[in-house]
Amino acid sequence: MFYDTLPLRDKFDALAAPDEYTPLPDDWVVGTSDIVGSTAAIAAGKYKVVNMIGAAVISAQINTAGGRAFPYVFGGDGAAFAHPPEFAEQAAAALAAVQVWAREEFDMGLRVGLYPVAHIRNAGHEVAVARYRVSDGVDYAMFSGGGVSWAEGEMKNGQETVPAAAAGTQPDLTGLSCRWSHMQARNGTILSLLVQPVAGVDPGAFATVAAQVLEAVSHLERGGHPSPPEGPGTGWPPPGAVLEAHASRGSMPLAKRRRQILFETAIAWVLLKTKIKLGGFDPAHYQRTVGGNADFRKFDDGLKMTLDCDPETIERLRALLETARDAGIVSFGMHTQDEAMMTCIVPSIMDDTHVHFIDGAAGGYTQAAMGIKGG
């Protein structure tokens, strides 16, 4: 299958170059999603709900795929992915199920769409992908070409192409959780940064700016990774217990599922604190792997990063990006906060294939995107 043939790249900086990406086949489909009113929800303190719904879109697609690898990317208040044509119907059903779940569990609207790559290309945009390996067990897709962003724009303009699911439809969100504590900034600030190419700009010019941004943060420990090397911390009860109960309860009463999660997490908390190995589970190794598997930076028709950053570096970035913006190369948005947060998809704690999505804990990418819209 096409995606399985792509090379796994180990150097993130190299992915700034356009020639590192391979166009998707014409007959593939691109799925998109976006939470309606996410900015207002974040202002109301529902940032964990916003991230949970965004991650749920990916979780449902992973479970529908049944172990098949496919490209996807987490965007904070939404997500995008791509599948070959024979899985388009399954992908649409999983999207529609998450849409119903978001409305019924959280009273949140979710826009969804599914668009043929050929249709995106006919509109003048490309969808190209690369695979970035963050660890031995996990790699993430990177997107370039502007096609995913165009599809998201079509969706937001009302061109939703996924038939609605019936009330009560439940997505398969097995493995979706948010049990880790927020990660405090160690260098002063958690910076959410979005850098996008201006429409029609030469890809090489954007690649140069992206490389300059990455060079400007290269002195930060582990490139500005918000998680400490030993992995994020954990407390009990976990702050996301209720959200996880919403994701996994099915037809079970919410309170009952929450009690089950509190029991499960109490055992996990003891193991993580004591580092006692149990039944082949090594808590210290698992905790280290969580940080190593996390997606704190990505190329998604632009550059997105959540960085543990010092104020001086932020100002250097701002000056660099303002120069590039004035030259007509990029638009950008920044948002600062004191903590980062993590939402996870963990099919099993017994191997290293679990994935973890990082965002700022006070608006993150959604707030940074508002900075772009505001100029």
Protein backbone atom coordinates (compact mmCIF):
# COMPACT_ATOMS: atom_id res chain seq x y z
CA MET A 1 0.00 0.00 0.00
CA PHE A 2 1.19 3.54 -0.84
CA TYR A 3 1.66 4.83 2.70
CA ASP A 4 3.60 1.75 3.79
CA THR A 5 6.18 2.39 1.06
CA LEU A 6 7.12 5.88 2.27
CA PRO A 7 10.49 6.17 4.01
CA LEU A 8 10.58 6.94 7.73
CA ARG A 9 12.52 10.16 8.27
CA ASP A 10 14.42 10.63 11.54
CA LYS A 11 15.40 14.31 11.22
CA PHE A 12 12.58 16.77 11.70
CA ASP A 13 14.54 19.72 10.30
CA ALA A 14 14.89 17.95 6.95
CA LEU A 15 11.11 17.94 6.55
CA ALA A 16 11.12 21.67 5.87
CA ALA A 17 12.23 20.79 2.32
CA PRO A 18 9.38 20.28 -0.21
CA ASP A 19 11.17 17.41 -1.97
CA GLU A 20 10.87 15.27 1.19
CA TYR A 21 7.13 14.85 0.48
CA THR A 22 5.33 12.45 -1.84
CA PRO A 23 1.95 13.36 -3.43
CA LEU A 24 -0.99 11.20 -2.38
CA PRO A 25 -2.60 9.11 -5.13
CA ASP A 26 -5.44 10.84 -6.97
CA ASP A 27 -8.05 8.34 -5.79
CA TRP A 28 -7.36 8.78 -2.06
CA VAL A 29 -9.65 10.86 0.17
CA VAL A 30 -8.78 13.51 2.74
CA GLY A 31 -10.87 13.79 5.90
CA THR A 32 -11.16 16.97 7.93
CA SER A 33 -12.86 18.10 11.13
CA ASP A 34 -13.24 21.27 13.16
CA ILE A 35 -15.07 22.10 16.38
CA VAL A 36 -17.71 24.79 16.02
CA GLY A 37 -17.11 27.62 18.49
CA SER A 38 -13.82 26.23 19.82
CA THR A 39 -12.54 29.70 20.74
CA ALA A 40 -15.58 30.38 22.90
CA ALA A 41 -15.32 26.92 24.44
CA ILE A 42 -11.69 27.54 25.37
CA ALA A 43 -12.62 30.93 26.85
CA ALA A 44 -15.15 29.05 28.99
CA GLY A 45 -12.42 26.74 30.29
CA LYS A 46 -13.29 23.75 28.10
CA TYR A 47 -9.85 23.39 26.52
CA LYS A 48 -9.55 19.73 27.55
CA VAL A 49 -12.92 18.98 25.96
CA VAL A 50 -11.80 20.68 22.75
CA ASN A 51 -8.59 18.63 22.60
CA MET A 52 -10.44 15.42 23.50
CA ILE A 53 -12.88 15.82 20.60
CA GLY A 54 -10.04 16.63 18.20
CA ALA A 55 -8.17 13.50 19.29
CA ALA A 56 -11.39 11.46 19.15
CA VAL A 57 -11.53 12.02 15.39
CA ILE A 58 -8.14 10.31 15.05
CA SER A 59 -8.99 7.61 17.60
CA ALA A 60 -12.11 6.61 15.68
CA GLN A 61 -10.14 6.44 12.43
CA ILE A 62 -7.36 4.34 14.02
CA ASN A 63 -9.87 1.86 15.42
CA THR A 64 -11.74 1.70 12.14
CA ALA A 65 -8.46 1.05 10.30
CA GLY A 66 -7.80 -2.03 12.45
CA GLY A 67 -4.03 -1.73 12.57
CA ARG A 68 -3.54 -0.39 9.04
CA ALA A 69 -1.18 2.59 8.90
CA PHE A 70 -2.53 5.82 7.40
CA PRO A 71 -1.58 9.52 7.60
CA TYR A 72 -3.22 11.75 10.19
CA VAL A 73 -2.48 14.98 12.02
CA PHE A 74 -3.85 16.53 15.23
CA GLY A 75 -4.65 20.24 15.17
CA GLY A 76 -5.94 21.01 18.67
CA ASP A 77 -9.58 21.76 17.85
CA GLY A 78 -9.74 19.32 14.96
CA ALA A 79 -7.82 16.76 12.96
CA ALA A 80 -7.17 15.64 9.39
CA PHE A 81 -6.31 12.31 7.80
CA ALA A 82 -6.22 10.46 4.49
CA HIS A 83 -7.27 6.98 3.34
CA PRO A 84 -7.24 4.98 0.10
CA PRO A 85 -10.59 4.85 -1.73
CA GLU A 86 -11.64 1.40 -0.55
CA PHE A 87 -11.82 2.72 3.03
CA ALA A 88 -13.66 5.98 2.27
CA GLU A 89 -17.05 4.66 3.38
CA GLN A 90 -15.68 3.41 6.70
CA ALA A 91 -13.86 6.70 7.26
CA ALA A 92 -17.04 8.68 6.64
CA ALA A 93 -19.02 6.53 9.06
CA ALA A 94 -16.40 6.99 11.78
CA LEU A 95 -16.40 10.77 11.23
CA ALA A 96 -20.18 10.94 11.44
CA ALA A 97 -20.17 8.86 14.63
CA VAL A 98 -17.74 11.25 16.35
CA GLN A 99 -19.91 14.16 15.21
CA VAL A 100 -22.93 12.64 16.97
CA TRP A 101 -20.87 11.76 20.06
CA ALA A 102 -19.49 15.31 20.39
CA ARG A 103 -22.98 16.75 20.23
CA GLU A 104 -24.63 14.26 22.59
CA GLU A 105 -21.84 13.97 25.19
CA PHE A 106 -20.60 17.60 25.26
CA ASP A 107 -23.17 19.68 23.36
CA MET A 108 -20.38 20.63 20.95
CA GLY A 109 -20.80 20.98 17.20
CA LEU A 110 -18.26 19.27 14.96
CA ARG A 111 -17.88 20.02 11.26
CA VAL A 112 -16.64 17.08 9.19
CA GLY A 113 -15.76 16.56 5.55
CA LEU A 114 -14.28 14.00 3.17
CA TYR A 115 -12.77 15.12 -0.15
CA PRO A 116 -11.16 13.19 -3.04
CA VAL A 117 -7.53 14.15 -3.64
CA ALA A 118 -8.31 14.54 -7.35
CA HIS A 119 -10.95 17.14 -6.45
CA ILE A 120 -8.44 19.03 -4.31
CA ARG A 121 -5.88 19.00 -7.15
CA ASN A 122 -8.49 20.23 -9.63
CA ALA A 123 -8.91 23.24 -7.36
CA GLY A 124 -5.19 23.96 -7.71
CA HIS A 125 -3.80 22.48 -4.49
CA GLU A 126 -1.52 19.57 -3.65
CA VAL A 127 -1.68 16.97 -0.89
CA ALA A 128 1.75 15.48 -0.22
CA VAL A 129 2.89 13.50 2.81
CA ALA A 130 6.02 12.37 4.61
CA ARG A 131 6.54 10.12 7.63
CA TYR A 132 8.53 11.38 10.60
CA ARG A 133 9.69 8.74 13.08
CA VAL A 134 9.73 10.11 16.63
CA SER A 135 10.67 6.79 18.24
CA ASP A 136 11.15 3.13 17.40
CA GLY A 137 7.43 2.53 17.90
CA VAL A 138 5.73 5.64 16.48
CA ASP A 139 5.82 7.84 13.41
CA TYR A 140 3.61 10.77 12.47
CA ALA A 141 2.47 12.03 9.09
CA MET A 142 3.55 15.45 7.86
CA PHE A 143 1.46 17.21 5.19
CA SER A 144 2.44 19.84 2.63
CA GLY A 145 1.01 21.41 -0.52
CA GLY A 146 -1.90 23.37 0.91
CA GLY A 147 -4.53 20.79 -0.01
CA VAL A 148 -5.53 19.85 3.51
CA SER A 149 -5.95 23.53 4.43
CA TRP A 150 -8.08 24.05 1.32
CA ALA A 151 -10.29 21.10 2.26
CA GLU A 152 -10.70 22.50 5.77
CA GLY A 153 -11.75 25.82 4.25
CA GLU A 154 -14.36 24.10 2.08
CA MET A 155 -15.71 22.31 5.16
CA LYS A 156 -15.93 25.53 7.16
CA ASN A 157 -17.71 27.21 4.24
CA GLY A 158 -20.48 24.65 4.44
CA GLN A 159 -19.25 22.05 1.96
CA GLU A 160 -19.61 19.20 4.42
CA THR A 161 -19.67 15.93 2.50
CA VAL A 162 -20.30 13.30 5.18
CA PRO A 163 -23.87 12.07 5.69
CA ALA A 164 -25.10 12.54 9.25
CA ALA A 165 -25.27 9.50 11.51
CA ALA A 166 -28.35 8.55 13.50
CA ALA A 167 -28.81 9.84 17.03
CA GLY A 168 -27.12 7.59 19.56
CA THR A 169 -24.44 6.35 17.16
CA GLN A 170 -21.32 5.50 19.14
CA PRO A 171 -17.80 5.78 17.69
CA ASP A 172 -15.14 3.28 18.69
CA LEU A 173 -12.81 5.38 20.85
CA THR A 174 -10.92 2.51 22.44
CA GLY A 175 -7.65 3.75 23.90
CA LEU A 176 -8.54 7.46 24.00
CA SER A 177 -7.52 8.99 27.33
CA CYS A 178 -6.04 12.06 29.03
CA ARG A 179 -4.58 10.83 32.30
CA TRP A 180 -1.32 12.80 32.52
CA SER A 181 -0.88 15.99 34.50
CA HIS A 182 -0.25 19.24 32.71
CA MET A 183 3.41 19.90 31.94
CA GLN A 184 4.72 23.07 33.57
CA ALA A 185 7.06 25.28 31.55
CA ARG A 186 10.65 24.74 32.68
CA ASN A 187 12.13 27.57 30.58
CA GLY A 188 9.55 30.23 31.37
CA THR A 189 6.74 29.80 28.81
CA ILE A 190 4.87 27.23 26.75
CA LEU A 191 4.68 28.75 23.28
CA SER A 192 2.07 27.66 20.74
CA LEU A 193 3.37 28.66 17.31
CA LEU A 194 1.73 28.43 13.88
CA VAL A 195 3.58 29.46 10.72
CA GLN A 196 1.77 29.25 7.38
CA PRO A 197 2.92 30.03 3.85
CA VAL A 198 1.15 32.91 2.14
CA ALA A 199 -1.02 31.70 -0.74
CA GLY A 200 1.02 31.38 -3.93
CA VAL A 201 4.41 31.84 -2.28
CA ASP A 202 7.33 29.79 -3.60
CA PRO A 203 7.61 26.60 -1.48
CA GLY A 204 11.36 27.05 -1.29
CA ALA A 205 10.96 30.49 0.29
CA PHE A 206 8.69 29.06 2.97
CA ALA A 207 11.08 26.17 3.54
CA THR A 208 13.88 28.67 4.17
CA VAL A 209 11.83 30.48 6.81
CA ALA A 210 10.82 27.19 8.45
CA ALA A 211 14.47 26.15 8.60
CA GLN A 212 15.33 29.49 10.22
CA VAL A 213 12.63 28.98 12.83
CA LEU A 214 13.91 25.51 13.66
CA GLU A 215 17.47 26.83 13.90
CA ALA A 216 16.27 29.58 16.26
CA VAL A 217 14.94 26.98 18.72
CA SER A 218 17.66 24.37 18.24
CA HIS A 219 19.48 25.47 21.42
CA LEU A 220 16.48 24.54 23.57
CA GLU A 221 16.68 21.23 25.42
CA ARG A 222 15.38 18.50 23.08
CA GLY A 223 14.29 21.20 20.65
CA GLY A 224 11.85 22.68 23.15
CA HIS A 225 9.97 19.46 23.94
CA PRO A 226 7.43 20.30 26.70
CA SER A 227 7.69 16.87 28.33
CA PRO A 228 10.68 16.23 30.59
CA PRO A 229 12.97 13.37 29.48
CA GLU A 230 11.56 11.05 32.12
CA GLY A 231 8.04 11.65 30.82
CA PRO A 232 5.12 13.75 32.10
CA GLY A 233 3.94 13.61 35.67
CA THR A 234 0.76 12.07 36.96
CA GLY A 235 -1.53 12.64 39.88
CA TRP A 236 -4.65 11.06 41.25
CA PRO A 237 -7.45 11.48 40.51
CA PRO A 238 -6.47 12.29 36.91
CA PRO A 239 -7.87 15.58 35.60
CA GLY A 240 -9.34 13.88 32.53
CA ALA A 241 -11.24 11.07 34.24
CA VAL A 242 -14.68 12.43 33.36
CA LEU A 243 -13.68 13.09 29.75
CA GLU A 244 -12.32 9.58 29.41
CA ALA A 245 -15.58 8.24 30.85
CA HIS A 246 -17.47 10.13 28.13
CA ALA A 247 -15.21 8.52 25.52
CA SER A 248 -15.41 4.95 26.74
CA ARG A 249 -18.75 4.47 28.48
CA GLY A 250 -20.79 3.31 25.48
CA SER A 251 -24.24 2.60 26.94
CA MET A 252 -22.91 2.48 30.51
CA PRO A 253 -24.00 5.24 32.94
CA LEU A 254 -21.37 7.97 33.06
CA ALA A 255 -20.92 7.79 36.84
CA LYS A 256 -20.28 4.04 36.74
CA ARG A 257 -17.66 4.33 34.02
CA ARG A 258 -15.99 7.17 35.90
CA ARG A 259 -15.73 4.98 39.00
CA GLN A 260 -14.11 2.24 36.93
CA ILE A 261 -11.58 4.70 35.52
CA LEU A 262 -10.75 6.03 38.97
CA PHE A 263 -10.07 2.48 40.15
CA GLU A 264 -7.91 1.69 37.10
CA THR A 265 -5.95 4.92 37.40
CA ALA A 266 -5.38 4.46 41.12
CA ILE A 267 -3.53 1.23 40.38
CA ALA A 268 -1.60 2.89 37.55
CA TRP A 269 -0.69 5.84 39.79
CA VAL A 270 0.77 3.53 42.44
CA LEU A 271 2.82 1.68 39.82
CA LEU A 272 4.13 4.89 38.29
CA LYS A 273 5.05 6.34 41.67
CA THR A 274 6.74 3.19 42.96
CA LYS A 275 8.13 2.05 39.57
CA ILE A 276 7.11 -1.50 40.48
CA LYS A 277 6.95 -3.77 37.44
CA LEU A 278 3.78 -5.81 37.14
CA GLY A 279 2.93 -8.55 34.64
CA GLY A 280 5.48 -7.36 32.09
CA PHE A 281 4.51 -3.69 32.48
CA ASP A 282 7.53 -1.47 33.19
CA PRO A 283 6.13 1.86 34.45
CA ALA A 284 9.42 3.78 34.19
CA HIS A 285 9.92 2.70 30.58
CA TYR A 286 6.31 3.49 29.72
CA GLN A 287 6.53 6.98 31.22
CA ARG A 288 9.74 7.76 29.30
CA THR A 289 8.19 6.47 26.08
CA VAL A 290 5.15 8.71 26.47
CA GLY A 291 7.29 11.82 26.12
CA GLY A 292 9.35 10.33 23.32
CA ASN A 293 6.24 9.44 21.32
CA ALA A 294 4.60 12.86 21.61
CA ASP A 295 3.90 15.14 18.61
CA PHE A 296 5.02 18.53 19.94
CA ARG A 297 6.00 19.70 16.43
CA LYS A 298 4.67 18.94 12.97
CA PHE A 299 4.38 20.16 9.40
CA ASP A 300 0.71 20.49 8.50
CA ASP A 301 0.56 22.76 5.42
CA GLY A 302 2.81 24.92 7.55
CA LEU A 303 4.79 24.55 10.76
CA LYS A 304 3.08 23.95 14.13
CA MET A 305 4.96 23.67 17.40
CA THR A 306 4.27 23.61 21.13
CA LEU A 307 7.55 24.60 22.78
CA ASP A 308 8.93 24.98 26.27
CA CYS A 309 10.62 28.27 25.53
CA ASP A 310 12.46 31.17 27.19
CA PRO A 311 11.31 34.77 26.62
CA GLU A 312 14.44 35.73 24.67
CA THR A 313 13.87 32.95 22.14
CA ILE A 314 10.25 34.01 21.72
CA GLU A 315 11.34 37.53 20.86
CA ARG A 316 13.90 36.26 18.34
CA LEU A 317 11.20 34.14 16.73
CA ARG A 318 8.81 37.07 16.62
CA ALA A 319 11.39 39.30 14.93
CA LEU A 320 12.30 36.62 12.40
CA LEU A 321 8.67 35.91 11.55
CA GLU A 322 7.68 39.56 11.33
CA THR A 323 10.44 40.03 8.76
CA ALA A 324 9.18 37.04 6.77
CA ARG A 325 5.61 38.28 7.06
CA ASP A 326 6.57 41.74 5.80
CA ALA A 327 8.31 40.06 2.86
CA GLY A 328 5.04 38.35 1.94
CA ILE A 329 6.29 34.82 2.69
CA VAL A 330 4.39 33.74 5.81
CA SER A 331 1.58 34.52 8.19
CA PHE A 332 1.99 33.44 11.79
CA GLY A 333 0.31 33.29 15.18
CA MET A 334 1.67 32.89 18.70
CA HIS A 335 0.05 32.14 22.03
CA THR A 336 1.81 31.83 25.38
CA GLN A 337 0.74 29.99 28.52
CA ASP A 338 2.30 28.39 31.57
CA GLU A 339 1.54 24.73 30.82
CA ALA A 340 1.21 22.19 28.05
CA MET A 341 -1.29 19.35 28.05
CA MET A 342 -1.44 15.92 26.49
CA THR A 343 -4.24 13.81 25.04
CA CYS A 344 -3.43 10.17 24.33
CA ILE A 345 -4.41 7.16 22.28
CA VAL A 346 -3.16 4.03 24.04
CA PRO A 347 -4.44 0.78 22.54
CA SER A 348 -2.10 -1.12 24.88
CA ILE A 349 0.37 -0.22 27.63
CA MET A 350 2.35 -3.37 26.85
CA ASP A 351 4.06 -2.06 23.70
CA ASP A 352 5.51 1.25 22.50
CA THR A 353 2.99 2.17 19.81
CA HIS A 354 0.89 4.57 21.90
CA VAL A 355 0.57 8.13 20.52
CA HIS A 356 0.31 11.42 22.40
CA PHE A 357 -0.90 14.80 21.16
CA ILE A 358 0.50 17.93 22.81
CA ASP A 359 -1.14 21.35 22.87
CA GLY A 360 -0.90 24.42 25.04
CA ALA A 361 -3.06 24.13 28.15
CA ALA A 362 -4.69 27.56 27.81
CA GLY A 363 -5.88 27.71 24.24
CA GLY A 364 -2.76 26.55 22.43
CA TYR A 365 -3.09 26.16 18.69
CA THR A 366 -6.65 27.51 18.62
CA GLN A 367 -5.59 30.79 20.18
CA ALA A 368 -2.49 30.99 17.99
CA ALA A 369 -4.72 30.56 14.94
CA MET A 370 -6.82 33.52 16.11
CA GLY A 371 -3.64 35.56 15.99
CA ILE A 372 -3.26 34.69 12.30
CA LYS A 373 -6.86 35.60 11.56
CA GLY A 374 -6.41 38.89 13.36
CA GLY A 375 -3.35 39.73 11.31
